[in-house]
């Protein structure tokens, strides 16, 4: 007989858990408020900058050093390099934020995500962020008098040397590009990879993250993802086996099922079922004579466990009403 494991939580432990949870909620609220205030301040600064850039000449001296310094398109050197650097930072970061904002809104458009996938949109947003950072670095260095053309040539040679020494990184990047281009899976898909069943959390340039139902995260290098089964690109099946006591007659049980098992009513009670549940018959008899009956129902992979619970409830209720005794497989096996 299998040993049972009892989990006991004292009242003090429960109070500690509740206090910890309340503290986490308060910290999240503080973080969100702080984030909103920071974004509002950034928006005010950006708005003020563009107002000065576009209309400053109408209420300020057009030849002032300040206006010449904040205008990166005047074609000349800035009288004040510090103001020019700040101007370039505001301009580049604002453009990057606006572009990434609209790219982020594309994720909520089902037509777009269906055509190109969430992973492509997220990759595009990350690309814009990194490109904006590199452009900002070169613009700032150029404003400070650094010869960016020579610097760019030197970085190209350095990148070539580093590329020869980081072949594994290149393999991961290439593999990530093929995963996204061939749409093997997308963010939100439920997959089984190397025996790990989970939801795709993110697809990065170098690695991909999967989260199981318990919240555990598996991070894999793109080049190491081998055999993978995508469970989301087709309708899944919620299958359950119900044990019947050896004393019950199989003919009587199946007669009850034929009379009282109503797939349409069960499906109406669970809106996540995509196909009517079915009884497939006897699938196993244990050494002690416990009879295992198999039931299935079509559903989405992410709704599999909810459908299984609804199906268990409906069948258990039907058996209780007709006084059919359930078995206990495994507990009395040798």
Protein backbone atom coordinates (compact mmCIF):
# COMPACT_ATOMS: atom_id res chain seq x y z
CA UNK A 1 0.00 0.00 0.00
CA UNK A 2 1.34 3.42 -0.93
CA UNK A 3 2.21 5.72 1.92
CA UNK A 4 0.09 8.84 2.13
CA UNK A 5 1.72 12.21 2.62
CA UNK A 6 0.01 14.79 4.80
CA UNK A 7 0.71 18.48 4.28
CA UNK A 8 -0.02 20.58 7.36
CA UNK A 9 0.10 24.35 7.49
CA UNK A 10 -0.17 25.98 10.88
CA UNK A 11 -2.21 29.11 11.56
CA UNK A 12 0.98 31.13 12.03
CA UNK A 13 2.34 29.95 8.67
CA UNK A 14 -0.93 30.87 6.97
CA UNK A 15 -0.85 34.36 8.51
CA UNK A 16 2.75 34.80 7.31
CA UNK A 17 1.74 33.77 3.78
CA UNK A 18 -1.15 36.24 3.82
CA UNK A 19 1.08 39.07 5.07
CA UNK A 20 3.67 38.27 2.43
CA UNK A 21 1.00 38.28 -0.26
CA UNK A 22 -0.39 41.63 0.94
CA UNK A 23 3.13 43.09 1.01
CA UNK A 24 3.76 41.91 -2.56
CA UNK A 25 0.48 43.49 -3.72
CA UNK A 26 1.35 46.83 -2.05
CA UNK A 27 4.85 46.79 -3.60
CA UNK A 28 3.37 46.07 -7.04
CA UNK A 29 0.95 48.99 -6.64
CA UNK A 30 3.81 51.31 -5.59
CA UNK A 31 5.87 50.13 -8.57
CA UNK A 32 3.01 50.72 -11.00
CA UNK A 33 2.33 54.22 -9.61
CA UNK A 34 6.03 55.07 -9.83
CA UNK A 35 6.18 53.79 -13.39
CA UNK A 36 3.17 55.90 -14.38
CA UNK A 37 4.68 59.04 -12.83
CA UNK A 38 8.02 58.39 -14.58
CA UNK A 39 6.30 57.91 -17.95
CA UNK A 40 4.24 61.07 -17.50
CA UNK A 41 7.39 63.09 -16.72
CA UNK A 42 9.15 61.62 -19.77
CA UNK A 43 6.15 62.49 -21.94
CA UNK A 44 6.16 66.09 -20.65
CA UNK A 45 9.90 66.46 -21.32
CA UNK A 46 9.54 64.99 -24.84
CA UNK A 47 6.56 67.23 -25.61
CA UNK A 48 8.39 70.31 -24.40
CA UNK A 49 11.43 69.39 -26.50
CA UNK A 50 9.44 68.96 -29.73
CA UNK A 51 7.53 72.20 -29.08
CA UNK A 52 10.85 74.05 -28.75
CA UNK A 53 12.30 72.24 -31.76
CA UNK A 54 9.36 73.06 -34.05
CA UNK A 55 8.09 76.40 -32.73
CA UNK A 56 10.92 77.78 -30.61
CA UNK A 57 12.00 80.19 -33.35
CA UNK A 58 8.65 82.00 -33.11
CA UNK A 59 9.03 83.06 -29.48
CA UNK A 60 12.84 82.88 -29.01
CA UNK A 61 15.85 84.27 -30.82
CA UNK A 62 16.43 81.87 -33.79
CA UNK A 63 20.19 82.53 -33.56
CA UNK A 64 20.45 81.73 -29.88
CA UNK A 65 22.96 79.09 -28.85
CA UNK A 66 20.21 77.14 -27.06
CA UNK A 67 18.02 76.70 -30.16
CA UNK A 68 21.03 75.85 -32.31
CA UNK A 69 22.13 73.22 -29.78
CA UNK A 70 18.75 71.46 -29.48
CA UNK A 71 18.33 71.26 -33.27
CA UNK A 72 20.24 68.20 -34.54
CA UNK A 73 19.28 69.01 -38.14
CA UNK A 74 20.93 72.44 -38.42
CA UNK A 75 23.99 70.90 -40.08
CA UNK A 76 26.48 72.74 -37.93
CA UNK A 77 28.34 72.11 -34.72
CA UNK A 78 26.45 72.72 -31.53
CA UNK A 79 27.52 75.72 -29.46
CA UNK A 80 26.74 73.65 -26.38
CA UNK A 81 27.64 69.96 -26.64
CA UNK A 82 25.83 69.00 -23.42
CA UNK A 83 22.52 70.41 -24.69
CA UNK A 84 23.08 68.72 -28.06
CA UNK A 85 23.70 65.34 -26.39
CA UNK A 86 20.55 65.71 -24.26
CA UNK A 87 18.64 66.71 -27.39
CA UNK A 88 19.83 63.65 -29.29
CA UNK A 89 18.89 61.39 -26.36
CA UNK A 90 15.36 62.79 -26.16
CA UNK A 91 14.86 62.63 -29.93
CA UNK A 92 16.15 59.08 -30.41
CA UNK A 93 14.46 57.59 -27.34
CA UNK A 94 11.13 59.25 -28.17
CA UNK A 95 11.14 57.94 -31.73
CA UNK A 96 12.09 54.49 -30.47
CA UNK A 97 9.31 54.53 -27.86
CA UNK A 98 6.65 55.63 -30.36
CA UNK A 99 7.68 52.97 -32.91
CA UNK A 100 7.77 50.23 -30.25
CA UNK A 101 4.41 51.43 -28.89
CA UNK A 102 2.72 50.88 -32.25
CA UNK A 103 4.53 47.56 -32.70
CA UNK A 104 3.26 46.51 -29.26
CA UNK A 105 -0.31 47.36 -30.26
CA UNK A 106 0.04 44.91 -33.16
CA UNK A 107 0.13 42.05 -30.65
CA UNK A 108 -3.51 42.76 -29.77
CA UNK A 109 -4.57 42.52 -33.42
CA UNK A 110 -5.54 38.90 -34.04
CA UNK A 111 -5.40 39.26 -37.83
CA UNK A 112 -1.80 40.46 -37.72
CA UNK A 113 -0.65 37.92 -35.11
CA UNK A 114 -2.29 35.12 -37.09
CA UNK A 115 -0.34 36.07 -40.21
CA UNK A 116 3.10 36.84 -38.82
CA UNK A 117 2.99 35.55 -35.23
CA UNK A 118 3.61 37.15 -31.85
CA UNK A 119 7.30 36.13 -31.87
CA UNK A 120 8.00 38.13 -35.04
CA UNK A 121 6.34 41.22 -33.55
CA UNK A 122 8.33 40.91 -30.31
CA UNK A 123 11.54 40.37 -32.28
CA UNK A 124 10.79 43.48 -34.33
CA UNK A 125 10.24 45.51 -31.15
CA UNK A 126 13.52 44.29 -29.64
CA UNK A 127 15.35 45.04 -32.88
CA UNK A 128 14.05 48.62 -32.87
CA UNK A 129 15.20 49.02 -29.26
CA UNK A 130 18.74 47.77 -29.92
CA UNK A 131 19.10 49.69 -33.18
CA UNK A 132 17.93 52.90 -31.46
CA UNK A 133 20.54 52.38 -28.76
CA UNK A 134 23.35 51.89 -31.30
CA UNK A 135 22.22 54.90 -33.34
CA UNK A 136 22.11 57.02 -30.19
CA UNK A 137 25.64 55.97 -29.23
CA UNK A 138 27.04 56.96 -32.64
CA UNK A 139 25.09 60.24 -32.70
CA UNK A 140 26.36 61.20 -29.26
CA UNK A 141 29.94 60.30 -30.15
CA UNK A 142 29.62 62.29 -33.37
CA UNK A 143 28.32 65.30 -31.41
CA UNK A 144 31.33 65.04 -29.12
CA UNK A 145 33.71 65.14 -32.10
CA UNK A 146 34.56 61.45 -32.44
CA UNK A 147 35.18 60.19 -35.97
CA UNK A 148 32.34 57.66 -36.14
CA UNK A 149 33.29 56.39 -39.63
CA UNK A 150 36.64 55.10 -38.39
CA UNK A 151 35.01 53.77 -35.24
CA UNK A 152 32.42 51.87 -37.30
CA UNK A 153 35.13 50.31 -39.47
CA UNK A 154 37.05 49.25 -36.38
CA UNK A 155 33.93 47.71 -34.85
CA UNK A 156 33.34 45.75 -38.05
CA UNK A 157 36.79 44.16 -37.83
CA UNK A 158 36.31 43.52 -34.11
CA UNK A 159 32.93 41.88 -34.75
CA UNK A 160 34.51 39.59 -37.34
CA UNK A 161 37.20 38.50 -34.86
CA UNK A 162 34.67 37.93 -32.09
CA UNK A 163 32.36 36.06 -34.46
CA UNK A 164 35.02 33.43 -35.08
CA UNK A 165 35.24 32.78 -31.34
CA UNK A 166 31.54 32.64 -30.48
CA UNK A 167 30.22 30.08 -32.93
CA UNK A 168 27.73 28.75 -30.36
CA UNK A 169 26.14 32.19 -30.09
CA UNK A 170 25.86 32.42 -33.87
CA UNK A 171 24.26 28.96 -33.96
CA UNK A 172 21.65 30.07 -31.40
CA UNK A 173 20.89 33.24 -33.35
CA UNK A 174 20.51 31.38 -36.66
CA UNK A 175 18.34 28.73 -35.00
CA UNK A 176 16.13 31.46 -33.46
CA UNK A 177 15.70 33.10 -36.86
CA UNK A 178 14.63 29.79 -38.43
CA UNK A 179 12.20 29.09 -35.56
CA UNK A 180 10.50 32.43 -36.14
CA UNK A 181 10.68 32.32 -39.95
CA UNK A 182 9.30 28.78 -40.25
CA UNK A 183 6.70 29.36 -37.48
CA UNK A 184 7.51 26.11 -35.71
CA UNK A 185 5.81 27.56 -32.65
CA UNK A 186 4.77 30.95 -31.36
CA UNK A 187 4.48 32.72 -28.03
CA UNK A 188 1.48 31.28 -26.18
CA UNK A 189 1.64 27.86 -27.87
CA UNK A 190 1.64 24.77 -25.67
CA UNK A 191 4.43 22.39 -26.64
CA UNK A 192 6.25 19.31 -25.43
CA UNK A 193 10.02 19.64 -25.76
CA UNK A 194 12.36 16.94 -24.47
CA UNK A 195 9.61 15.61 -22.21
CA UNK A 196 8.77 19.06 -20.77
CA UNK A 197 5.19 20.20 -21.38
CA UNK A 198 4.70 23.94 -21.12
CA UNK A 199 3.63 27.21 -22.70
CA UNK A 200 6.04 29.23 -24.82
CA UNK A 201 6.73 32.38 -22.79
CA UNK A 202 9.21 34.11 -25.08
CA UNK A 203 11.32 33.44 -28.16
CA UNK A 204 14.56 35.37 -28.01
CA UNK A 205 17.49 35.69 -30.34
CA UNK A 206 19.56 33.26 -28.28
CA UNK A 207 17.13 31.30 -26.09
CA UNK A 208 13.48 30.32 -25.69
CA UNK A 209 11.56 30.08 -22.42
CA UNK A 210 8.82 27.58 -21.59
CA UNK A 211 6.57 27.63 -18.48
CA UNK A 212 4.73 24.57 -17.17
CA UNK A 213 1.38 24.59 -15.36
CA UNK A 214 3.16 25.08 -12.03
CA UNK A 215 4.98 28.20 -13.21
CA UNK A 216 8.41 26.56 -13.50
CA UNK A 217 10.46 28.12 -16.30
CA UNK A 218 12.61 26.05 -18.66
CA UNK A 219 15.13 28.10 -20.64
CA UNK A 220 16.69 26.40 -23.66
CA UNK A 221 19.23 27.57 -26.19
CA UNK A 222 17.60 27.80 -29.61
CA UNK A 223 20.19 25.51 -31.17
CA UNK A 224 19.56 22.82 -28.52
CA UNK A 225 15.81 22.54 -29.19
CA UNK A 226 15.51 19.13 -30.80
CA UNK A 227 12.34 17.06 -30.90
CA UNK A 228 9.31 19.24 -30.25
CA UNK A 229 5.56 18.64 -30.45
CA UNK A 230 3.29 21.65 -30.91
CA UNK A 231 -0.01 20.86 -29.23
CA UNK A 232 -1.71 24.15 -30.10
CA UNK A 233 -1.87 23.91 -33.89
CA UNK A 234 -4.61 21.28 -33.73
CA UNK A 235 -7.57 20.32 -31.57
CA UNK A 236 -6.46 18.34 -28.53
CA UNK A 237 -8.24 15.61 -26.65
CA UNK A 238 -9.08 15.49 -22.96
CA UNK A 239 -8.94 11.78 -22.09
CA UNK A 240 -9.75 10.24 -18.73
CA UNK A 241 -10.02 6.72 -17.38
CA UNK A 242 -12.52 5.99 -14.63
CA UNK A 243 -12.10 2.88 -12.45
CA UNK A 244 -15.13 0.68 -11.74
CA UNK A 245 -15.19 -1.70 -8.79
CA UNK A 246 -14.74 -5.42 -9.60
CA UNK A 247 -18.17 -6.14 -8.11
CA UNK A 248 -19.92 -4.04 -10.74
CA UNK A 249 -21.22 -5.69 -13.92
CA UNK A 250 -19.74 -4.14 -17.03
CA UNK A 251 -22.99 -4.76 -18.96
CA UNK A 252 -24.98 -2.90 -16.29
CA UNK A 253 -22.50 -0.01 -16.21
CA UNK A 254 -22.58 0.38 -19.99
CA UNK A 255 -26.37 0.20 -19.97
CA UNK A 256 -26.42 3.09 -17.49
CA UNK A 257 -23.98 5.01 -19.67
CA UNK A 258 -26.12 4.46 -22.78
CA UNK A 259 -29.23 5.70 -20.97
CA UNK A 260 -27.87 8.59 -18.89
CA UNK A 261 -24.69 9.79 -20.64
CA UNK A 262 -25.85 12.81 -22.67
CA UNK A 263 -22.91 14.41 -24.55
CA UNK A 264 -24.90 17.48 -25.63
CA UNK A 265 -25.89 18.35 -22.05
CA UNK A 266 -22.34 17.83 -20.78
CA UNK A 267 -20.94 20.06 -23.53
CA UNK A 268 -23.51 22.78 -22.73
CA UNK A 269 -22.28 22.72 -19.14
CA UNK A 270 -18.66 23.28 -20.24
CA UNK A 271 -18.24 25.93 -22.93
CA UNK A 272 -14.58 24.99 -23.39
CA UNK A 273 -15.45 21.66 -25.05
CA UNK A 274 -15.07 21.87 -28.82
CA UNK A 275 -16.45 18.39 -29.54
CA UNK A 276 -19.03 16.22 -27.80
CA UNK A 277 -17.61 13.83 -25.17
CA UNK A 278 -17.58 10.14 -26.07
CA UNK A 279 -17.46 6.84 -24.21
CA UNK A 280 -14.93 4.55 -25.91
CA UNK A 281 -15.40 1.48 -23.72
CA UNK A 282 -13.28 -0.73 -21.49
CA UNK A 283 -9.58 0.04 -21.87
CA UNK A 284 -7.94 -1.96 -19.05
CA UNK A 285 -8.58 -4.53 -16.30
CA UNK A 286 -6.17 -4.52 -13.36
CA UNK A 287 -4.89 -7.62 -11.54
CA UNK A 288 -7.53 -7.14 -8.84
CA UNK A 289 -10.33 -6.89 -11.39
CA UNK A 290 -10.75 -3.09 -11.37
CA UNK A 291 -12.29 -2.09 -14.72
CA UNK A 292 -10.98 1.05 -16.40
CA UNK A 293 -13.43 2.91 -18.65
CA UNK A 294 -12.20 5.46 -21.20
CA UNK A 295 -13.94 8.78 -21.97
CA UNK A 296 -12.70 11.56 -24.26
CA UNK A 297 -13.72 15.09 -25.27
CA UNK A 298 -12.28 17.45 -27.90
CA UNK A 299 -10.92 20.81 -26.73
CA UNK A 300 -8.07 23.30 -27.03
CA UNK A 301 -4.82 22.23 -25.43
CA UNK A 302 -4.87 25.12 -22.95
CA UNK A 303 -8.37 24.05 -21.80
CA UNK A 304 -7.49 20.38 -21.43
CA UNK A 305 -7.47 20.23 -17.64
CA UNK A 306 -10.66 22.29 -17.26
CA UNK A 307 -12.49 19.96 -19.66
CA UNK A 308 -11.17 16.89 -17.83
CA UNK A 309 -12.49 18.23 -14.51
CA UNK A 310 -15.91 18.98 -16.02
CA UNK A 311 -16.06 15.50 -17.57
CA UNK A 312 -15.04 13.83 -14.31
CA UNK A 313 -17.76 15.74 -12.46
CA UNK A 314 -20.49 14.79 -14.94
CA UNK A 315 -19.57 11.09 -15.02
CA UNK A 316 -19.12 10.84 -11.24
CA UNK A 317 -22.53 12.44 -10.72
CA UNK A 318 -24.10 10.00 -13.16
CA UNK A 319 -22.54 6.99 -11.40
CA UNK A 320 -23.56 8.25 -7.94
CA UNK A 321 -27.17 8.72 -9.03
CA UNK A 322 -27.25 5.14 -10.34
CA UNK A 323 -25.34 3.70 -7.36
CA UNK A 324 -22.36 2.46 -9.36
CA UNK A 325 -19.31 1.92 -7.16
CA UNK A 326 -15.98 3.25 -8.31
CA UNK A 327 -12.76 1.29 -7.90
CA UNK A 328 -9.34 2.22 -6.53
CA UNK A 329 -6.65 1.17 -9.02
CA UNK A 330 -3.06 0.88 -7.86
CA UNK A 331 -3.67 0.97 -4.11
CA UNK A 332 -4.15 -2.77 -3.76
CA UNK A 333 -1.76 -3.92 -6.45
CA UNK A 334 1.25 -6.06 -5.70
